[in-house]
Amino acid sequence: MHVAGVARGPLLRLLRHDGFNAVIATNGLEALDALETHRPDLVLLDILMPVMNGIEFLTLVRADERWKRLPVIVLTALENPAYRAEVQ
């Protein structure tokens, strides 16, 4: 599992405690690099990230055949309904 953005520390501890092999990326560019290295089964993604935001990350992931069907759960504090349409 790959944790990008979100409340990383507590979430990482929780996932590891439950036996998941979780990896953190602090921005969208690091998350793209981590896809190549760690081959996750799932990505937990925040929209608000430096360098490359979650929307940009997800757009690149969906455009790549290798990751097109990778499950991504978007967790964000943003309440703008427009973001919902962008991540579906």
PDB file of N, CA and C in Angstrom:
ATOM      1  N   MET A   1       0.852  -1.160   0.000  1.00  0.00           N
ATOM      2  CA  MET A   1       0.000   0.000   0.000  1.00  0.00           C
ATOM      3  C   MET A   1       0.898   1.222   0.000  1.00  0.00           C
ATOM      4  N   HIS A   2       0.437   2.225  -0.662  1.00  0.00           N
ATOM      5  CA  HIS A   2       1.216   3.442  -0.795  1.00  0.00           C
ATOM      6  C   HIS A   2       0.418   4.591  -0.197  1.00  0.00           C
ATOM      7  N   VAL A   3       1.040   5.340   0.700  1.00  0.00           N
ATOM      8  CA  VAL A   3       0.370   6.458   1.349  1.00  0.00           C
ATOM      9  C   VAL A   3       0.988   7.738   0.825  1.00  0.00           C
ATOM     10  N   ALA A   4       0.225   8.503   0.077  1.00  0.00           N
ATOM     11  CA  ALA A   4       0.733   9.761  -0.469  1.00  0.00           C
ATOM     12  C   ALA A   4      -0.098  10.902   0.083  1.00  0.00           C
ATOM     13  N   GLY A   5       0.545  11.895   0.642  1.00  0.00           N
ATOM     14  CA  GLY A   5      -0.172  13.024   1.212  1.00  0.00           C
ATOM     15  C   GLY A   5      -0.806  12.640   2.542  1.00  0.00           C
ATOM     16  N   VAL A   6      -2.071  12.889   2.722  1.00  0.00           N
ATOM     17  CA  VAL A   6      -2.896  12.638   3.912  1.00  0.00           C
ATOM     18  C   VAL A   6      -2.122  12.767   5.229  1.00  0.00           C
ATOM     19  N   ALA A   7      -2.744  12.417   6.339  1.00  0.00           N
ATOM     20  CA  ALA A   7      -2.108  12.466   7.655  1.00  0.00           C
ATOM     21  C   ALA A   7      -1.183  11.268   7.757  1.00  0.00           C
ATOM     22  N   ARG A   8      -0.011  11.427   7.196  1.00  0.00           N
ATOM     23  CA  ARG A   8       0.875  10.298   6.942  1.00  0.00           C
ATOM     24  C   ARG A   8       1.298   9.511   8.173  1.00  0.00           C
ATOM     25  N   GLY A   9       1.799  10.187   9.190  1.00  0.00           N
ATOM     26  CA  GLY A   9       2.349   9.474  10.351  1.00  0.00           C
ATOM     27  C   GLY A   9       1.378   8.521  11.010  1.00  0.00           C
ATOM     28  N   PRO A  10       0.245   9.024  11.503  1.00  0.00           N
ATOM     29  CA  PRO A  10      -0.706   8.133  12.173  1.00  0.00           C
ATOM     30  C   PRO A  10      -1.246   7.038  11.251  1.00  0.00           C
ATOM     31  N   LEU A  11      -1.513   7.389  10.018  1.00  0.00           N
ATOM     32  CA  LEU A  11      -2.030   6.398   9.076  1.00  0.00           C
ATOM     33  C   LEU A  11      -0.994   5.321   8.792  1.00  0.00           C
ATOM     34  N   LEU A  12       0.250   5.732   8.630  1.00  0.00           N
ATOM     35  CA  LEU A  12       1.329   4.770   8.392  1.00  0.00           C
ATOM     36  C   LEU A  12       1.456   3.802   9.568  1.00  0.00           C
ATOM     37  N   ARG A  13       1.443   4.310  10.780  1.00  0.00           N
ATOM     38  CA  ARG A  13       1.548   3.447  11.968  1.00  0.00           C
ATOM     39  C   ARG A  13       0.381   2.472  12.039  1.00  0.00           C
ATOM     40  N   LEU A  14      -0.807   2.967  11.764  1.00  0.00           N
ATOM     41  CA  LEU A  14      -1.992   2.110  11.803  1.00  0.00           C
ATOM     42  C   LEU A  14      -1.889   0.987  10.770  1.00  0.00           C
ATOM     43  N   LEU A  15      -1.524   1.327   9.546  1.00  0.00           N
ATOM     44  CA  LEU A  15      -1.418   0.320   8.487  1.00  0.00           C
ATOM     45  C   LEU A  15      -0.336  -0.710   8.803  1.00  0.00           C
ATOM     46  N   ARG A  16       0.811  -0.238   9.249  1.00  0.00           N
ATOM     47  CA  ARG A  16       1.897  -1.177   9.586  1.00  0.00           C
ATOM     48  C   ARG A  16       1.518  -2.057  10.763  1.00  0.00           C
ATOM     49  N   HIS A  17       0.824  -1.481  11.738  1.00  0.00           N
ATOM     50  CA  HIS A  17       0.373  -2.266  12.890  1.00  0.00           C
ATOM     51  C   HIS A  17      -0.556  -3.391  12.443  1.00  0.00           C
ATOM     52  N   ASP A  18      -1.346  -3.130  11.416  1.00  0.00           N
ATOM     53  CA  ASP A  18      -2.269  -4.139  10.896  1.00  0.00           C
ATOM     54  C   ASP A  18      -1.635  -5.047   9.847  1.00  0.00           C
ATOM     55  N   GLY A  19      -0.309  -4.952   9.684  1.00  0.00           N
ATOM     56  CA  GLY A  19       0.402  -5.889   8.830  1.00  0.00           C
ATOM     57  C   GLY A  19       0.597  -5.466   7.383  1.00  0.00           C
ATOM     58  N   PHE A  20       0.223  -4.247   7.040  1.00  0.00           N
ATOM     59  CA  PHE A  20       0.420  -3.778   5.670  1.00  0.00           C
ATOM     60  C   PHE A  20       1.843  -3.273   5.484  1.00  0.00           C
ATOM     61  N   ASN A  21       2.367  -3.469   4.305  1.00  0.00           N
ATOM     62  CA  ASN A  21       3.664  -2.931   3.933  1.00  0.00           C
ATOM     63  C   ASN A  21       3.408  -1.564   3.311  1.00  0.00           C
ATOM     64  N   ALA A  22       3.365  -0.538   4.139  1.00  0.00           N
ATOM     65  CA  ALA A  22       2.994   0.803   3.691  1.00  0.00           C
ATOM     66  C   ALA A  22       4.248   1.643   3.454  1.00  0.00           C
ATOM     67  N   VAL A  23       4.188   2.470   2.420  1.00  0.00           N
ATOM     68  CA  VAL A  23       5.281   3.354   2.026  1.00  0.00           C
ATOM     69  C   VAL A  23       4.723   4.768   1.931  1.00  0.00           C
ATOM     70  N   ILE A  24       5.515   5.751   2.332  1.00  0.00           N
ATOM     71  CA  ILE A  24       5.068   7.148   2.283  1.00  0.00           C
ATOM     72  C   ILE A  24       5.772   7.892   1.163  1.00  0.00           C
ATOM     73  N   ALA A  25       5.024   8.753   0.502  1.00  0.00           N
ATOM     74  CA  ALA A  25       5.576   9.735  -0.428  1.00  0.00           C
ATOM     75  C   ALA A  25       5.087  11.095   0.052  1.00  0.00           C
ATOM     76  N   THR A  26       5.966  12.090   0.065  1.00  0.00           N
ATOM     77  CA  THR A  26       5.576  13.394   0.586  1.00  0.00           C
ATOM     78  C   THR A  26       5.007  14.315  -0.484  1.00  0.00           C
ATOM     79  N   ASN A  27       5.099  13.910  -1.745  1.00  0.00           N
ATOM     80  CA  ASN A  27       4.517  14.704  -2.821  1.00  0.00           C
ATOM     81  C   ASN A  27       4.195  13.787  -4.000  1.00  0.00           C
ATOM     82  N   GLY A  28       3.510  14.326  -4.982  1.00  0.00           N
ATOM     83  CA  GLY A  28       3.079  13.525  -6.127  1.00  0.00           C
ATOM     84  C   GLY A  28       4.217  12.960  -6.950  1.00  0.00           C
ATOM     85  N   LEU A  29       5.300  13.702  -7.075  1.00  0.00           N
ATOM     86  CA  LEU A  29       6.447  13.218  -7.845  1.00  0.00           C
ATOM     87  C   LEU A  29       7.102  12.027  -7.152  1.00  0.00           C
ATOM     88  N   GLU A  30       7.258  12.123  -5.844  1.00  0.00           N
ATOM     89  CA  GLU A  30       7.785  10.979  -5.080  1.00  0.00           C
ATOM     90  C   GLU A  30       6.850   9.779  -5.201  1.00  0.00           C
ATOM     91  N   ALA A  31       5.562  10.042  -5.215  1.00  0.00           N
ATOM     92  CA  ALA A  31       4.587   8.955  -5.339  1.00  0.00           C
ATOM     93  C   ALA A  31       4.729   8.241  -6.674  1.00  0.00           C
ATOM     94  N   LEU A  32       4.952   8.988  -7.752  1.00  0.00           N
ATOM     95  CA  LEU A  32       5.172   8.357  -9.062  1.00  0.00           C
ATOM     96  C   LEU A  32       6.418   7.480  -9.042  1.00  0.00           C
ATOM     97  N   ASP A  33       7.478   7.979  -8.441  1.00  0.00           N
ATOM     98  CA  ASP A  33       8.706   7.179  -8.321  1.00  0.00           C
ATOM     99  C   ASP A  33       8.461   5.921  -7.492  1.00  0.00           C
ATOM    100  N   ALA A  34       7.682   6.059  -6.426  1.00  0.00           N
ATOM    101  CA  ALA A  34       7.401   4.918  -5.553  1.00  0.00           C
ATOM    102  C   ALA A  34       6.587   3.843  -6.266  1.00  0.00           C
ATOM    103  N   LEU A  35       5.746   4.229  -7.221  1.00  0.00           N
ATOM    104  CA  LEU A  35       4.996   3.234  -7.986  1.00  0.00           C
ATOM    105  C   LEU A  35       5.938   2.261  -8.684  1.00  0.00           C
ATOM    106  N   GLU A  36       7.011   2.792  -9.246  1.00  0.00           N
ATOM    107  CA  GLU A  36       7.978   1.962  -9.958  1.00  0.00           C
ATOM    108  C   GLU A  36       8.722   1.028  -9.016  1.00  0.00           C
ATOM    109  N   THR A  37       9.043   1.517  -7.837  1.00  0.00           N
ATOM    110  CA  THR A  37       9.860   0.765  -6.885  1.00  0.00           C
ATOM    111  C   THR A  37       9.058  -0.243  -6.071  1.00  0.00           C
ATOM    112  N   HIS A  38       7.863   0.141  -5.643  1.00  0.00           N
ATOM    113  CA  HIS A  38       7.120  -0.663  -4.665  1.00  0.00           C
ATOM    114  C   HIS A  38       5.932  -1.423  -5.224  1.00  0.00           C
ATOM    115  N   ARG A  39       5.501  -1.122  -6.425  1.00  0.00           N
ATOM    116  CA  ARG A  39       4.375  -1.835  -7.055  1.00  0.00           C
ATOM    117  C   ARG A  39       3.198  -2.041  -6.092  1.00  0.00           C
ATOM    118  N   PRO A  40       2.532  -0.955  -5.680  1.00  0.00           N
ATOM    119  CA  PRO A  40       1.476  -1.073  -4.670  1.00  0.00           C
ATOM    120  C   PRO A  40       0.216  -1.741  -5.199  1.00  0.00           C
ATOM    121  N   ASP A  41      -0.568  -2.262  -4.269  1.00  0.00           N
ATOM    122  CA  ASP A  41      -1.885  -2.810  -4.589  1.00  0.00           C
ATOM    123  C   ASP A  41      -2.964  -1.741  -4.445  1.00  0.00           C
ATOM    124  N   LEU A  42      -2.632  -0.659  -3.747  1.00  0.00           N
ATOM    125  CA  LEU A  42      -3.583   0.392  -3.450  1.00  0.00           C
ATOM    126  C   LEU A  42      -2.822   1.676  -3.140  1.00  0.00           C
ATOM    127  N   VAL A  43      -3.384   2.817  -3.533  1.00  0.00           N
ATOM    128  CA  VAL A  43      -2.803   4.121  -3.200  1.00  0.00           C
ATOM    129  C   VAL A  43      -3.835   4.916  -2.415  1.00  0.00           C
ATOM    130  N   LEU A  44      -3.416   5.459  -1.276  1.00  0.00           N
ATOM    131  CA  LEU A  44      -4.218   6.426  -0.535  1.00  0.00           C
ATOM    132  C   LEU A  44      -3.634   7.779  -0.887  1.00  0.00           C
ATOM    133  N   LEU A  45      -4.455   8.667  -1.408  1.00  0.00           N
ATOM    134  CA  LEU A  45      -3.958   9.888  -2.023  1.00  0.00           C
ATOM    135  C   LEU A  45      -4.648  11.131  -1.489  1.00  0.00           C
ATOM    136  N   ASP A  46      -3.852  12.140  -1.187  1.00  0.00           N
ATOM    137  CA  ASP A  46      -4.393  13.449  -0.821  1.00  0.00           C
ATOM    138  C   ASP A  46      -4.349  14.338  -2.052  1.00  0.00           C
ATOM    139  N   ILE A  47      -5.269  15.260  -2.167  1.00  0.00           N
ATOM    140  CA  ILE A  47      -5.251  16.192  -3.292  1.00  0.00           C
ATOM    141  C   ILE A  47      -4.220  17.289  -3.064  1.00  0.00           C
ATOM    142  N   LEU A  48      -4.118  17.754  -1.818  1.00  0.00           N
ATOM    143  CA  LEU A  48      -3.189  18.843  -1.503  1.00  0.00           C
ATOM    144  C   LEU A  48      -1.801  18.293  -1.184  1.00  0.00           C
ATOM    145  N   MET A  49      -0.921  18.344  -2.173  1.00  0.00           N
ATOM    146  CA  MET A  49       0.468  17.927  -1.989  1.00  0.00           C
ATOM    147  C   MET A  49       1.359  18.912  -2.732  1.00  0.00           C
ATOM    148  N   PRO A  50       2.576  19.103  -2.240  1.00  0.00           N
ATOM    149  CA  PRO A  50       3.514  19.983  -2.947  1.00  0.00           C
ATOM    150  C   PRO A  50       4.088  19.299  -4.188  1.00  0.00           C
ATOM    151  N   VAL A  51       4.754  20.052  -5.010  1.00  0.00           N
ATOM    152  CA  VAL A  51       5.445  19.608  -6.224  1.00  0.00           C
ATOM    153  C   VAL A  51       4.468  19.154  -7.300  1.00  0.00           C
ATOM    154  N   MET A  52       3.645  18.177  -6.996  1.00  0.00           N
ATOM    155  CA  MET A  52       2.611  17.692  -7.916  1.00  0.00           C
ATOM    156  C   MET A  52       1.410  17.323  -7.054  1.00  0.00           C
ATOM    157  N   ASN A  53       0.275  17.938  -7.305  1.00  0.00           N
ATOM    158  CA  ASN A  53      -0.882  17.650  -6.453  1.00  0.00           C
ATOM    159  C   ASN A  53      -1.518  16.303  -6.821  1.00  0.00           C
ATOM    160  N   GLY A  54      -2.501  15.899  -6.021  1.00  0.00           N
ATOM    161  CA  GLY A  54      -3.141  14.608  -6.220  1.00  0.00           C
ATOM    162  C   GLY A  54      -3.870  14.466  -7.542  1.00  0.00           C
ATOM    163  N   ILE A  55      -4.474  15.546  -8.027  1.00  0.00           N
ATOM    164  CA  ILE A  55      -5.174  15.497  -9.316  1.00  0.00           C
ATOM    165  C   ILE A  55      -4.167  15.245 -10.441  1.00  0.00           C
ATOM    166  N   GLU A  56      -3.049  15.961 -10.415  1.00  0.00           N
ATOM    167  CA  GLU A  56      -2.013  15.770 -11.440  1.00  0.00           C
ATOM    168  C   GLU A  56      -1.459  14.348 -11.376  1.00  0.00           C
ATOM    169  N   PHE A  57      -1.193  13.870 -10.154  1.00  0.00           N
ATOM    170  CA  PHE A  57      -0.699  12.507  -9.965  1.00  0.00           C
ATOM    171  C   PHE A  57      -1.682  11.494 -10.547  1.00  0.00           C
ATOM    172  N   LEU A  58      -2.942  11.630 -10.185  1.00  0.00           N
ATOM    173  CA  LEU A  58      -3.958  10.674 -10.637  1.00  0.00           C
ATOM    174  C   LEU A  58      -4.124  10.712 -12.150  1.00  0.00           C
ATOM    175  N   THR A  59      -4.039  11.881 -12.750  1.00  0.00           N
ATOM    176  CA  THR A  59      -4.139  12.001 -14.205  1.00  0.00           C
ATOM    177  C   THR A  59      -3.015  11.224 -14.882  1.00  0.00           C
ATOM    178  N   LEU A  60      -1.798  11.351 -14.364  1.00  0.00           N
ATOM    179  CA  LEU A  60      -0.660  10.614 -14.941  1.00  0.00           C
ATOM    180  C   LEU A  60      -0.792   9.111 -14.717  1.00  0.00           C
ATOM    181  N   VAL A  61      -1.256   8.725 -13.546  1.00  0.00           N
ATOM    182  CA  VAL A  61      -1.437   7.305 -13.241  1.00  0.00           C
ATOM    183  C   VAL A  61      -2.469   6.685 -14.179  1.00  0.00           C
ATOM    184  N   ARG A  62      -3.580   7.356 -14.372  1.00  0.00           N
ATOM    185  CA  ARG A  62      -4.637   6.820 -15.240  1.00  0.00           C
ATOM    186  C   ARG A  62      -4.238   6.796 -16.708  1.00  0.00           C
ATOM    187  N   ALA A  63      -3.287   7.615 -17.105  1.00  0.00           N
ATOM    188  CA  ALA A  63      -2.826   7.640 -18.500  1.00  0.00           C
ATOM    189  C   ALA A  63      -1.796   6.548 -18.784  1.00  0.00           C
ATOM    190  N   ASP A  64      -1.277   5.920 -17.749  1.00  0.00           N
ATOM    191  CA  ASP A  64      -0.249   4.886 -17.898  1.00  0.00           C
ATOM    192  C   ASP A  64      -0.918   3.507 -17.846  1.00  0.00           C
ATOM    193  N   GLU A  65      -0.763   2.720 -18.889  1.00  0.00           N
ATOM    194  CA  GLU A  65      -1.394   1.393 -18.968  1.00  0.00           C
ATOM    195  C   GLU A  65      -1.070   0.516 -17.756  1.00  0.00           C
ATOM    196  N   ARG A  66       0.141   0.627 -17.237  1.00  0.00           N
ATOM    197  CA  ARG A  66       0.543  -0.213 -16.101  1.00  0.00           C
ATOM    198  C   ARG A  66      -0.262   0.098 -14.847  1.00  0.00           C
ATOM    199  N   TRP A  67      -0.718   1.319 -14.701  1.00  0.00           N
ATOM    200  CA  TRP A  67      -1.377   1.760 -13.471  1.00  0.00           C
ATOM    201  C   TRP A  67      -2.829   2.152 -13.688  1.00  0.00           C
ATOM    202  N   LYS A  68      -3.301   2.010 -14.878  1.00  0.00           N
ATOM    203  CA  LYS A  68      -4.650   2.453 -15.236  1.00  0.00           C
ATOM    204  C   LYS A  68      -5.722   1.906 -14.293  1.00  0.00           C
ATOM    205  N   ARG A  69      -5.572   0.676 -13.846  1.00  0.00           N
ATOM    206  CA  ARG A  69      -6.579   0.023 -13.020  1.00  0.00           C
ATOM    207  C   ARG A  69      -6.184  -0.060 -11.542  1.00  0.00           C
ATOM    208  N   LEU A  70      -5.118   0.631 -11.171  1.00  0.00           N
ATOM    209  CA  LEU A  70      -4.667   0.639  -9.783  1.00  0.00           C
ATOM    210  C   LEU A  70      -5.718   1.334  -8.907  1.00  0.00           C
ATOM    211  N   PRO A  71      -6.183   0.668  -7.865  1.00  0.00           N
ATOM    212  CA  PRO A  71      -7.158   1.320  -6.978  1.00  0.00           C
ATOM    213  C   PRO A  71      -6.525   2.511  -6.254  1.00  0.00           C
ATOM    214  N   VAL A  72      -7.234   3.625  -6.261  1.00  0.00           N
ATOM    215  CA  VAL A  72      -6.784   4.834  -5.580  1.00  0.00           C
ATOM    216  C   VAL A  72      -7.939   5.344  -4.726  1.00  0.00           C
ATOM    217  N   ILE A  73      -7.664   5.540  -3.453  1.00  0.00           N
ATOM    218  CA  ILE A  73      -8.636   6.141  -2.544  1.00  0.00           C
ATOM    219  C   ILE A  73      -8.146   7.552  -2.249  1.00  0.00           C
ATOM    220  N   VAL A  74      -8.991   8.527  -2.540  1.00  0.00           N
ATOM    221  CA  VAL A  74      -8.634   9.921  -2.317  1.00  0.00           C
ATOM    222  C   VAL A  74      -9.168  10.343  -0.955  1.00  0.00           C
ATOM    223  N   LEU A  75      -8.252  10.791  -0.102  1.00  0.00           N
ATOM    224  CA  LEU A  75      -8.599  11.318   1.217  1.00  0.00           C
ATOM    225  C   LEU A  75      -8.185  12.776   1.232  1.00  0.00           C
ATOM    226  N   THR A  76      -9.098  13.665   1.530  1.00  0.00           N
ATOM    227  CA  THR A  76      -8.749  15.075   1.530  1.00  0.00           C
ATOM    228  C   THR A  76      -9.666  15.854   2.463  1.00  0.00           C
ATOM    229  N   ALA A  77      -9.172  16.971   2.937  1.00  0.00           N
ATOM    230  CA  ALA A  77      -9.971  17.862   3.767  1.00  0.00           C
ATOM    231  C   ALA A  77     -10.759  18.850   2.912  1.00  0.00           C
ATOM    232  N   LEU A  78     -10.500  18.857   1.624  1.00  0.00           N
ATOM    233  CA  LEU A  78     -11.187  19.791   0.730  1.00  0.00           C
ATOM    234  C   LEU A  78     -12.652  19.408   0.579  1.00  0.00           C
ATOM    235  N   GLU A  79     -13.507  20.412   0.552  1.00  0.00           N
ATOM    236  CA  GLU A  79     -14.939  20.158   0.417  1.00  0.00           C
ATOM    237  C   GLU A  79     -15.484  20.600  -0.928  1.00  0.00           C
ATOM    238  N   ASN A  80     -14.647  20.981  -1.839  1.00  0.00           N
ATOM    239  CA  ASN A  80     -15.085  21.465  -3.144  1.00  0.00           C
ATOM    240  C   ASN A  80     -15.625  20.298  -3.982  1.00  0.00           C
ATOM    241  N   PRO A  81     -16.906  20.316  -4.334  1.00  0.00           N
ATOM    242  CA  PRO A  81     -17.488  19.223  -5.127  1.00  0.00           C
ATOM    243  C   PRO A  81     -16.826  19.036  -6.495  1.00  0.00           C
ATOM    244  N   ALA A  82     -16.173  20.065  -7.008  1.00  0.00           N
ATOM    245  CA  ALA A  82     -15.514  19.948  -8.308  1.00  0.00           C
ATOM    246  C   ALA A  82     -14.398  18.909  -8.266  1.00  0.00           C
ATOM    247  N   TYR A  83     -13.763  18.745  -7.112  1.00  0.00           N
ATOM    248  CA  TYR A  83     -12.695  17.754  -7.003  1.00  0.00           C
ATOM    249  C   TYR A  83     -13.233  16.335  -7.160  1.00  0.00           C
ATOM    250  N   ARG A  84     -14.430  16.115  -6.690  1.00  0.00           N
ATOM    251  CA  ARG A  84     -15.032  14.772  -6.802  1.00  0.00           C
ATOM    252  C   ARG A  84     -15.116  14.354  -8.269  1.00  0.00           C
ATOM    253  N   ALA A  85     -15.534  15.256  -9.126  1.00  0.00           N
ATOM    254  CA  ALA A  85     -15.628  14.950 -10.555  1.00  0.00           C
ATOM    255  C   ALA A  85     -14.252  14.698 -11.158  1.00  0.00           C
ATOM    256  N   GLU A  86     -13.237  15.386 -10.681  1.00  0.00           N
ATOM    257  CA  GLU A  86     -11.901  15.238 -11.243  1.00  0.00           C
ATOM    258  C   GLU A  86     -11.249  13.905 -10.868  1.00  0.00           C
ATOM    259  N   VAL A  87     -11.639  13.306  -9.781  1.00  0.00           N
ATOM    260  CA  VAL A  87     -10.975  12.074  -9.338  1.00  0.00           C
ATOM    261  C   VAL A  87     -11.756  10.819  -9.673  1.00  0.00           C
ATOM    262  N   GLN A  88     -12.892  10.948 -10.328  1.00  0.00           N
ATOM    263  CA  GLN A  88     -13.671   9.753 -10.663  1.00  0.00           C
ATOM    264  C   GLN A  88     -13.228   9.169 -11.971  1.00  0.00           C
TER     265      GLN A  88
END
